[in-house]
PDB file of N, CA and C in Angstrom:
ATOM      1  N   ALA A   1     -47.783 -39.795  38.985  1.00  0.00           N
ATOM      2  CA  ALA A   1     -48.366 -38.914  37.800  1.00  0.00           C
ATOM      3  C   ALA A   1     -48.767 -38.302  38.420  1.00  0.00           C
ATOM      4  N   PHE A   2     -48.941 -37.197  37.597  1.00  0.00           N
ATOM      5  CA  PHE A   2     -49.017 -35.443  37.542  1.00  0.00           C
ATOM      6  C   PHE A   2     -50.211 -35.490  37.173  1.00  0.00           C
ATOM      7  N   TYR A   3     -51.974 -34.942  37.883  1.00  0.00           N
ATOM      8  CA  TYR A   3     -53.242 -34.727  37.143  1.00  0.00           C
ATOM      9  C   TYR A   3     -53.269 -33.167  37.342  1.00  0.00           C
ATOM     10  N   CYS A   4     -54.195 -32.935  36.802  1.00  0.00           N
ATOM     11  CA  CYS A   4     -54.575 -31.760  36.472  1.00  0.00           C
ATOM     12  C   CYS A   4     -56.402 -31.677  36.331  1.00  0.00           C
ATOM     13  N   MET A   5     -56.758 -30.630  37.067  1.00  0.00           N
ATOM     14  CA  MET A   5     -58.551 -30.549  36.668  1.00  0.00           C
ATOM     15  C   MET A   5     -58.682 -30.240  35.220  1.00  0.00           C
ATOM     16  N   SER A   6     -59.612 -30.933  34.428  1.00  0.00           N
ATOM     17  CA  SER A   6     -59.554 -30.007  32.954  1.00  0.00           C
ATOM     18  C   SER A   6     -60.971 -29.448  32.899  1.00  0.00           C
ATOM     19  N   MET A   7     -60.877 -28.146  32.479  1.00  0.00           N
ATOM     20  CA  MET A   7     -61.771 -27.167  32.153  1.00  0.00           C
ATOM     21  C   MET A   7     -62.152 -27.155  30.907  1.00  0.00           C
ATOM     22  N   ASN A   8     -63.445 -26.784  30.871  1.00  0.00           N
ATOM     23  CA  ASN A   8     -63.241 -26.321  28.563  1.00  0.00           C
ATOM     24  C   ASN A   8     -63.066 -25.212  28.579  1.00  0.00           C
ATOM     25  N   SER A   9     -62.879 -24.610  27.610  1.00  0.00           N
ATOM     26  CA  SER A   9     -62.331 -23.144  27.203  1.00  0.00           C
ATOM     27  C   SER A   9     -63.449 -22.317  27.024  1.00  0.00           C
ATOM     28  N   VAL A  10     -62.990 -20.904  27.413  1.00  0.00           N
ATOM     29  CA  VAL A  10     -63.578 -19.777  27.098  1.00  0.00           C
ATOM     30  C   VAL A  10     -64.845 -20.090  25.492  1.00  0.00           C
ATOM     31  N   GLY A  11     -64.044 -20.834  24.903  1.00  0.00           N
ATOM     32  CA  GLY A  11     -64.707 -20.815  23.575  1.00  0.00           C
ATOM     33  C   GLY A  11     -64.583 -22.070  23.154  1.00  0.00           C
ATOM     34  N   GLU A  12     -65.979 -22.617  23.034  1.00  0.00           N
ATOM     35  CA  GLU A  12     -66.378 -23.662  22.569  1.00  0.00           C
ATOM     36  C   GLU A  12     -65.657 -24.646  21.668  1.00  0.00           C
ATOM     37  N   ALA A  13     -64.960 -24.127  20.541  1.00  0.00           N
ATOM     38  CA  ALA A  13     -64.127 -24.229  19.543  1.00  0.00           C
ATOM     39  C   ALA A  13     -62.894 -24.508  19.928  1.00  0.00           C
ATOM     40  N   CYS A  14     -62.363 -23.965  20.484  1.00  0.00           N
ATOM     41  CA  CYS A  14     -61.231 -24.042  21.640  1.00  0.00           C
ATOM     42  C   CYS A  14     -60.745 -25.057  22.514  1.00  0.00           C
ATOM     43  N   THR A  15     -61.685 -26.010  22.825  1.00  0.00           N
ATOM     44  CA  THR A  15     -61.636 -26.795  24.071  1.00  0.00           C
ATOM     45  C   THR A  15     -60.751 -27.504  23.718  1.00  0.00           C
ATOM     46  N   ASP A  16     -60.708 -28.215  22.290  1.00  0.00           N
ATOM     47  CA  ASP A  16     -59.895 -29.670  21.835  1.00  0.00           C
ATOM     48  C   ASP A  16     -58.586 -28.963  22.151  1.00  0.00           C
ATOM     49  N   LEU A  17     -58.097 -27.963  21.306  1.00  0.00           N
ATOM     50  CA  LEU A  17     -56.714 -27.350  21.430  1.00  0.00           C
ATOM     51  C   LEU A  17     -56.617 -27.196  22.779  1.00  0.00           C
ATOM     52  N   LYS A  18     -57.657 -26.759  23.630  1.00  0.00           N
ATOM     53  CA  LYS A  18     -56.510 -26.449  25.557  1.00  0.00           C
ATOM     54  C   LYS A  18     -56.305 -28.025  25.440  1.00  0.00           C
ATOM     55  N   ARG A  19     -57.073 -28.858  25.611  1.00  0.00           N
ATOM     56  CA  ARG A  19     -56.508 -30.242  26.044  1.00  0.00           C
ATOM     57  C   ARG A  19     -55.583 -30.556  25.942  1.00  0.00           C
ATOM     58  N   GLU A  20     -55.108 -30.361  23.985  1.00  0.00           N
ATOM     59  CA  GLU A  20     -53.979 -31.231  23.586  1.00  0.00           C
ATOM     60  C   GLU A  20     -52.976 -29.722  23.817  1.00  0.00           C
ATOM     61  N   TYR A  21     -53.204 -29.109  24.227  1.00  0.00           N
ATOM     62  CA  TYR A  21     -51.833 -28.042  25.145  1.00  0.00           C
ATOM     63  C   TYR A  21     -51.382 -28.818  26.622  1.00  0.00           C
ATOM     64  N   ASP A  22     -52.910 -28.801  27.778  1.00  0.00           N
ATOM     65  CA  ASP A  22     -52.831 -29.370  28.934  1.00  0.00           C
ATOM     66  C   ASP A  22     -52.184 -30.414  28.458  1.00  0.00           C
ATOM     67  N   GLN A  23     -52.411 -31.784  27.920  1.00  0.00           N
ATOM     68  CA  GLN A  23     -51.653 -33.224  27.656  1.00  0.00           C
ATOM     69  C   GLN A  23     -50.713 -32.921  27.550  1.00  0.00           C
ATOM     70  N   CYS A  24     -49.907 -31.729  26.647  1.00  0.00           N
ATOM     71  CA  CYS A  24     -48.977 -31.809  26.091  1.00  0.00           C
ATOM     72  C   CYS A  24     -47.914 -31.191  27.405  1.00  0.00           C
ATOM     73  N   PHE A  25     -48.506 -30.110  28.168  1.00  0.00           N
ATOM     74  CA  PHE A  25     -47.629 -29.323  29.370  1.00  0.00           C
ATOM     75  C   PHE A  25     -47.759 -30.408  30.264  1.00  0.00           C
ATOM     76  N   ASN A  26     -48.531 -31.131  30.870  1.00  0.00           N
ATOM     77  CA  ASN A  26     -48.797 -32.360  31.844  1.00  0.00           C
ATOM     78  C   ASN A  26     -47.829 -33.574  31.497  1.00  0.00           C
ATOM     79  N   ARG A  27     -47.465 -33.498  30.463  1.00  0.00           N
ATOM     80  CA  ARG A  27     -46.442 -34.912  30.035  1.00  0.00           C
ATOM     81  C   ARG A  27     -44.935 -34.326  30.374  1.00  0.00           C
ATOM     82  N   TRP A  28     -44.837 -32.954  29.487  1.00  0.00           N
ATOM     83  CA  TRP A  28     -43.425 -32.263  29.676  1.00  0.00           C
ATOM     84  C   TRP A  28     -42.900 -32.231  31.312  1.00  0.00           C
ATOM     85  N   PHE A  29     -43.951 -31.296  32.101  1.00  0.00           N
ATOM     86  CA  PHE A  29     -43.812 -31.401  33.747  1.00  0.00           C
ATOM     87  C   PHE A  29     -43.155 -32.648  34.130  1.00  0.00           C
ATOM     88  N   ALA A  30     -44.564 -33.163  34.107  1.00  0.00           N
ATOM     89  CA  ALA A  30     -43.942 -34.764  34.765  1.00  0.00           C
ATOM     90  C   ALA A  30     -42.946 -35.546  34.305  1.00  0.00           C
ATOM     91  N   GLU A  31     -42.358 -35.926  32.517  1.00  0.00           N
ATOM     92  CA  GLU A  31     -41.189 -36.578  32.439  1.00  0.00           C
ATOM     93  C   GLU A  31     -40.051 -35.468  32.068  1.00  0.00           C
ATOM     94  N   LYS A  32     -39.984 -34.313  31.931  1.00  0.00           N
ATOM     95  CA  LYS A  32     -38.988 -33.573  31.954  1.00  0.00           C
ATOM     96  C   LYS A  32     -38.915 -32.426  33.079  1.00  0.00           C
ATOM     97  N   PHE A  33     -39.592 -31.898  33.024  1.00  0.00           N
ATOM     98  CA  PHE A  33     -39.218 -30.499  33.977  1.00  0.00           C
ATOM     99  C   PHE A  33     -38.774 -31.195  35.786  1.00  0.00           C
ATOM    100  N   LEU A  34     -40.038 -32.317  36.013  1.00  0.00           N
ATOM    101  CA  LEU A  34     -39.642 -32.920  37.450  1.00  0.00           C
ATOM    102  C   LEU A  34     -38.472 -33.613  37.606  1.00  0.00           C
ATOM    103  N   LYS A  35     -38.028 -34.000  36.664  1.00  0.00           N
ATOM    104  CA  LYS A  35     -36.734 -34.941  36.519  1.00  0.00           C
ATOM    105  C   LYS A  35     -35.693 -34.043  36.226  1.00  0.00           C
ATOM    106  N   GLY A  36     -35.759 -32.670  35.985  1.00  0.00           N
ATOM    107  CA  GLY A  36     -34.267 -31.429  35.635  1.00  0.00           C
ATOM    108  C   GLY A  36     -34.293 -31.120  34.225  1.00  0.00           C
ATOM    109  N   ASP A  37     -34.663 -32.056  33.541  1.00  0.00           N
ATOM    110  CA  ASP A  37     -34.581 -31.669  32.334  1.00  0.00           C
ATOM    111  C   ASP A  37     -35.262 -29.908  31.542  1.00  0.00           C
ATOM    112  N   ARG A  38     -34.672 -28.962  31.953  1.00  0.00           N
ATOM    113  CA  ARG A  38     -35.609 -27.529  31.735  1.00  0.00           C
ATOM    114  C   ARG A  38     -35.341 -27.148  30.425  1.00  0.00           C
ATOM    115  N   SER A  39     -34.693 -27.962  29.237  1.00  0.00           N
ATOM    116  CA  SER A  39     -34.423 -27.633  28.032  1.00  0.00           C
ATOM    117  C   SER A  39     -35.513 -27.894  27.505  1.00  0.00           C
ATOM    118  N   GLY A  40     -35.839 -26.577  26.640  1.00  0.00           N
ATOM    119  CA  GLY A  40     -36.921 -26.279  25.549  1.00  0.00           C
ATOM    120  C   GLY A  40     -38.413 -26.373  26.159  1.00  0.00           C
ATOM    121  N   ASP A  41     -39.261 -25.803  25.224  1.00  0.00           N
ATOM    122  CA  ASP A  41     -40.700 -26.136  25.510  1.00  0.00           C
ATOM    123  C   ASP A  41     -41.383 -26.525  24.185  1.00  0.00           C
ATOM    124  N   PRO A  42     -41.598 -28.124  24.528  1.00  0.00           N
ATOM    125  CA  PRO A  42     -42.178 -28.696  22.944  1.00  0.00           C
ATOM    126  C   PRO A  42     -43.882 -28.345  23.045  1.00  0.00           C
ATOM    127  N   CYS A  43     -44.369 -27.614  23.957  1.00  0.00           N
ATOM    128  CA  CYS A  43     -45.776 -27.208  23.868  1.00  0.00           C
ATOM    129  C   CYS A  43     -45.819 -25.793  23.493  1.00  0.00           C
ATOM    130  N   THR A  44     -44.848 -25.126  23.114  1.00  0.00           N
ATOM    131  CA  THR A  44     -45.151 -23.809  22.148  1.00  0.00           C
ATOM    132  C   THR A  44     -46.032 -23.507  21.521  1.00  0.00           C
ATOM    133  N   ASP A  45     -46.139 -24.411  20.185  1.00  0.00           N
ATOM    134  CA  ASP A  45     -46.851 -24.291  19.302  1.00  0.00           C
ATOM    135  C   ASP A  45     -48.437 -24.636  19.709  1.00  0.00           C
ATOM    136  N   SER A  46     -48.527 -25.650  20.876  1.00  0.00           N
ATOM    137  CA  SER A  46     -49.932 -26.004  20.841  1.00  0.00           C
ATOM    138  C   SER A  46     -50.276 -24.629  21.351  1.00  0.00           C
ATOM    139  N   PHE A  47     -49.660 -23.965  22.483  1.00  0.00           N
ATOM    140  CA  PHE A  47     -49.973 -23.152  23.268  1.00  0.00           C
ATOM    141  C   PHE A  47     -50.396 -21.812  22.564  1.00  0.00           C
ATOM    142  N   ARG A  48     -49.820 -21.464  21.411  1.00  0.00           N
ATOM    143  CA  ARG A  48     -49.916 -20.563  20.407  1.00  0.00           C
ATOM    144  C   ARG A  48     -50.909 -20.412  19.961  1.00  0.00           C
ATOM    145  N   LYS A  49     -51.799 -21.798  19.725  1.00  0.00           N
ATOM    146  CA  LYS A  49     -52.877 -22.124  18.844  1.00  0.00           C
ATOM    147  C   LYS A  49     -53.945 -22.190  19.476  1.00  0.00           C
ATOM    148  N   TYR A  50     -54.054 -22.585  20.830  1.00  0.00           N
ATOM    149  CA  TYR A  50     -55.350 -22.043  21.476  1.00  0.00           C
ATOM    150  C   TYR A  50     -54.954 -21.036  22.298  1.00  0.00           C
ATOM    151  N   GLN A  51     -54.276 -19.993  22.349  1.00  0.00           N
ATOM    152  CA  GLN A  51     -54.160 -18.570  22.994  1.00  0.00           C
ATOM    153  C   GLN A  51     -54.688 -17.638  21.376  1.00  0.00           C
ATOM    154  N   HIS A  52     -54.556 -18.114  20.421  1.00  0.00           N
ATOM    155  CA  HIS A  52     -55.368 -17.584  19.152  1.00  0.00           C
ATOM    156  C   HIS A  52     -56.559 -17.766  19.324  1.00  0.00           C
ATOM    157  N   CYS A  53     -56.920 -19.062  19.477  1.00  0.00           N
ATOM    158  CA  CYS A  53     -58.289 -19.622  19.580  1.00  0.00           C
ATOM    159  C   CYS A  53     -58.964 -18.731  20.330  1.00  0.00           C
ATOM    160  N   VAL A  54     -58.535 -18.681  21.720  1.00  0.00           N
ATOM    161  CA  VAL A  54     -59.059 -17.639  22.730  1.00  0.00           C
ATOM    162  C   VAL A  54     -59.700 -16.532  22.572  1.00  0.00           C
ATOM    163  N   GLN A  55     -58.464 -15.732  22.131  1.00  0.00           N
ATOM    164  CA  GLN A  55     -58.537 -14.199  21.580  1.00  0.00           C
ATOM    165  C   GLN A  55     -59.425 -14.071  20.714  1.00  0.00           C
ATOM    166  N   LYS A  56     -59.390 -15.052  19.528  1.00  0.00           N
ATOM    167  CA  LYS A  56     -60.844 -14.683  18.615  1.00  0.00           C
ATOM    168  C   LYS A  56     -61.940 -14.982  19.486  1.00  0.00           C
ATOM    169  N   ALA A  57     -61.954 -15.905  20.457  1.00  0.00           N
ATOM    170  CA  ALA A  57     -63.198 -16.655  20.584  1.00  0.00           C
ATOM    171  C   ALA A  57     -63.898 -14.936  22.037  1.00  0.00           C
ATOM    172  N   ILE A  58     -62.908 -14.295  22.538  1.00  0.00           N
ATOM    173  CA  ILE A  58     -62.985 -13.970  23.503  1.00  0.00           C
ATOM    174  C   ILE A  58     -63.675 -12.287  22.355  1.00  0.00           C
ATOM    175  N   LYS A  59     -63.071 -11.644  21.362  1.00  0.00           N
ATOM    176  CA  LYS A  59     -63.706 -11.050  20.279  1.00  0.00           C
ATOM    177  C   LYS A  59     -64.935 -11.332  19.965  1.00  0.00           C
ATOM    178  N   GLU A  60     -65.002 -12.467  19.628  1.00  0.00           N
ATOM    179  CA  GLU A  60     -66.741 -13.049  18.845  1.00  0.00           C
ATOM    180  C   GLU A  60     -67.661 -12.351  20.088  1.00  0.00           C
ATOM    181  N   LYS A  61     -67.420 -13.329  21.421  1.00  0.00           N
ATOM    182  CA  LYS A  61     -68.537 -13.071  22.196  1.00  0.00           C
ATOM    183  C   LYS A  61     -68.558 -11.748  23.032  1.00  0.00           C
ATOM    184  N   ASP A  62     -67.707 -10.601  22.293  1.00  0.00           N
ATOM    185  CA  ASP A  62     -67.378  -9.530  22.843  1.00  0.00           C
ATOM    186  C   ASP A  62     -67.729  -9.484  24.661  1.00  0.00           C
ATOM    187  N   ILE A  63     -66.774 -10.133  25.041  1.00  0.00           N
ATOM    188  CA  ILE A  63     -65.951 -10.266  26.675  1.00  0.00           C
ATOM    189  C   ILE A  63     -65.379  -9.150  26.863  1.00  0.00           C
ATOM    190  N   PRO A  64     -65.729  -8.369  27.868  1.00  0.00           N
ATOM    191  CA  PRO A  64     -65.142  -7.194  27.889  1.00  0.00           C
ATOM    192  C   PRO A  64     -63.334  -7.519  29.155  1.00  0.00           C
ATOM    193  N   ILE A  65     -62.677  -7.579  28.071  1.00  0.00           N
ATOM    194  CA  ILE A  65     -61.195  -7.724  28.680  1.00  0.00           C
ATOM    195  C   ILE A  65     -60.231  -6.683  29.558  1.00  0.00           C
ATOM    196  N   GLU A  66     -60.833  -5.798  29.545  1.00  0.00           N
ATOM    197  CA  GLU A  66     -59.899  -4.495  29.585  1.00  0.00           C
ATOM    198  C   GLU A  66     -59.570  -4.877  31.330  1.00  0.00           C
ATOM    199  N   GLY A  67     -58.103  -4.341  31.485  1.00  0.00           N
ATOM    200  CA  GLY A  67     -57.809  -4.263  32.811  1.00  0.00           C
ATOM    201  C   GLY A  67     -57.306  -5.741  32.880  1.00  0.00           C
ATOM    202  N   VAL A  68     -57.502  -7.000  32.391  1.00  0.00           N
ATOM    203  CA  VAL A  68     -56.988  -8.237  32.563  1.00  0.00           C
ATOM    204  C   VAL A  68     -56.042  -8.484  32.206  1.00  0.00           C
ATOM    205  N   ASP A  69     -54.817  -8.680  33.046  1.00  0.00           N
ATOM    206  CA  ASP A  69     -53.678  -9.462  32.480  1.00  0.00           C
ATOM    207  C   ASP A  69     -53.522 -10.591  32.418  1.00  0.00           C
ATOM    208  N   PHE A  70     -53.415 -10.975  31.193  1.00  0.00           N
ATOM    209  CA  PHE A  70     -53.177 -12.887  30.730  1.00  0.00           C
ATOM    210  C   PHE A  70     -52.064 -13.401  30.904  1.00  0.00           C
ATOM    211  N   MET A  71     -51.045 -12.540  30.886  1.00  0.00           N
ATOM    212  CA  MET A  71     -49.993 -13.478  30.802  1.00  0.00           C
ATOM    213  C   MET A  71     -48.962 -12.463  31.929  1.00  0.00           C
ATOM    214  N   GLY A  72     -49.089 -12.420  33.162  1.00  0.00           N
ATOM    215  CA  GLY A  72     -48.418 -11.454  34.007  1.00  0.00           C
ATOM    216  C   GLY A  72     -48.781 -10.086  33.648  1.00  0.00           C
ATOM    217  N   PRO A  73     -48.204  -9.137  34.995  1.00  0.00           N
ATOM    218  CA  PRO A  73     -48.575  -7.617  34.705  1.00  0.00           C
ATOM    219  C   PRO A  73     -48.156  -6.933  33.609  1.00  0.00           C
ATOM    220  N   ASN A  74     -48.838  -6.476  33.141  1.00  0.00           N
ATOM    221  CA  ASN A  74     -48.509  -5.299  32.329  1.00  0.00           C
ATOM    222  C   ASN A  74     -48.145  -4.189  32.757  1.00  0.00           C
ATOM    223  N   LYS A  75     -46.164  -3.982  32.709  1.00  0.00           N
ATOM    224  CA  LYS A  75     -45.272  -3.534  33.306  1.00  0.00           C
ATOM    225  C   LYS A  75     -45.752  -1.970  32.303  1.00  0.00           C
ATOM    226  N   ASP A  76     -46.105  -1.888  31.342  1.00  0.00           N
ATOM    227  CA  ASP A  76     -46.162  -0.553  30.865  1.00  0.00           C
ATOM    228  C   ASP A  76     -47.065   0.412  31.195  1.00  0.00           C
ATOM    229  N   LYS A  77     -48.005  -0.510  31.956  1.00  0.00           N
ATOM    230  CA  LYS A  77     -49.562   0.483  32.671  1.00  0.00           C
ATOM    231  C   LYS A  77     -49.100   1.305  33.755  1.00  0.00           C
ATOM    232  N   PRO A  78     -49.265   2.463  34.169  1.00  0.00           N
ATOM    233  CA  PRO A  78     -49.178   3.311  35.142  1.00  0.00           C
ATOM    234  C   PRO A  78     -49.760   2.457  36.079  1.00  0.00           C
ATOM    235  N   GLU A  79     -49.503   2.372  37.662  1.00  0.00           N
ATOM    236  CA  GLU A  79     -50.308   2.368  38.549  1.00  0.00           C
ATOM    237  C   GLU A  79     -51.420   3.576  39.081  1.00  0.00           C
ATOM    238  N   GLY A  80     -52.316   3.102  39.334  1.00  0.00           N
ATOM    239  CA  GLY A  80     -53.181   3.987  39.595  1.00  0.00           C
ATOM    240  C   GLY A  80     -55.018   3.252  40.137  1.00  0.00           C
TER     241      GLY A  80
END
């Protein structure tokens, strides 16, 4: 079995969406990916809902995110 430590989300309202995505990802990872099935990602919709919720929470809480890379490095930014 694949276990992942569960953490709450940055926005309290987003925690259920995060758990939904985590469960989906863990199920897909254990039952498909580790067995060689790399086709599709059934968790895209739940990830996008969670991502949107987090982005909204960050704006509402006025959390400074300048210079933070959420989904990998920003290749358009000059090194400096």
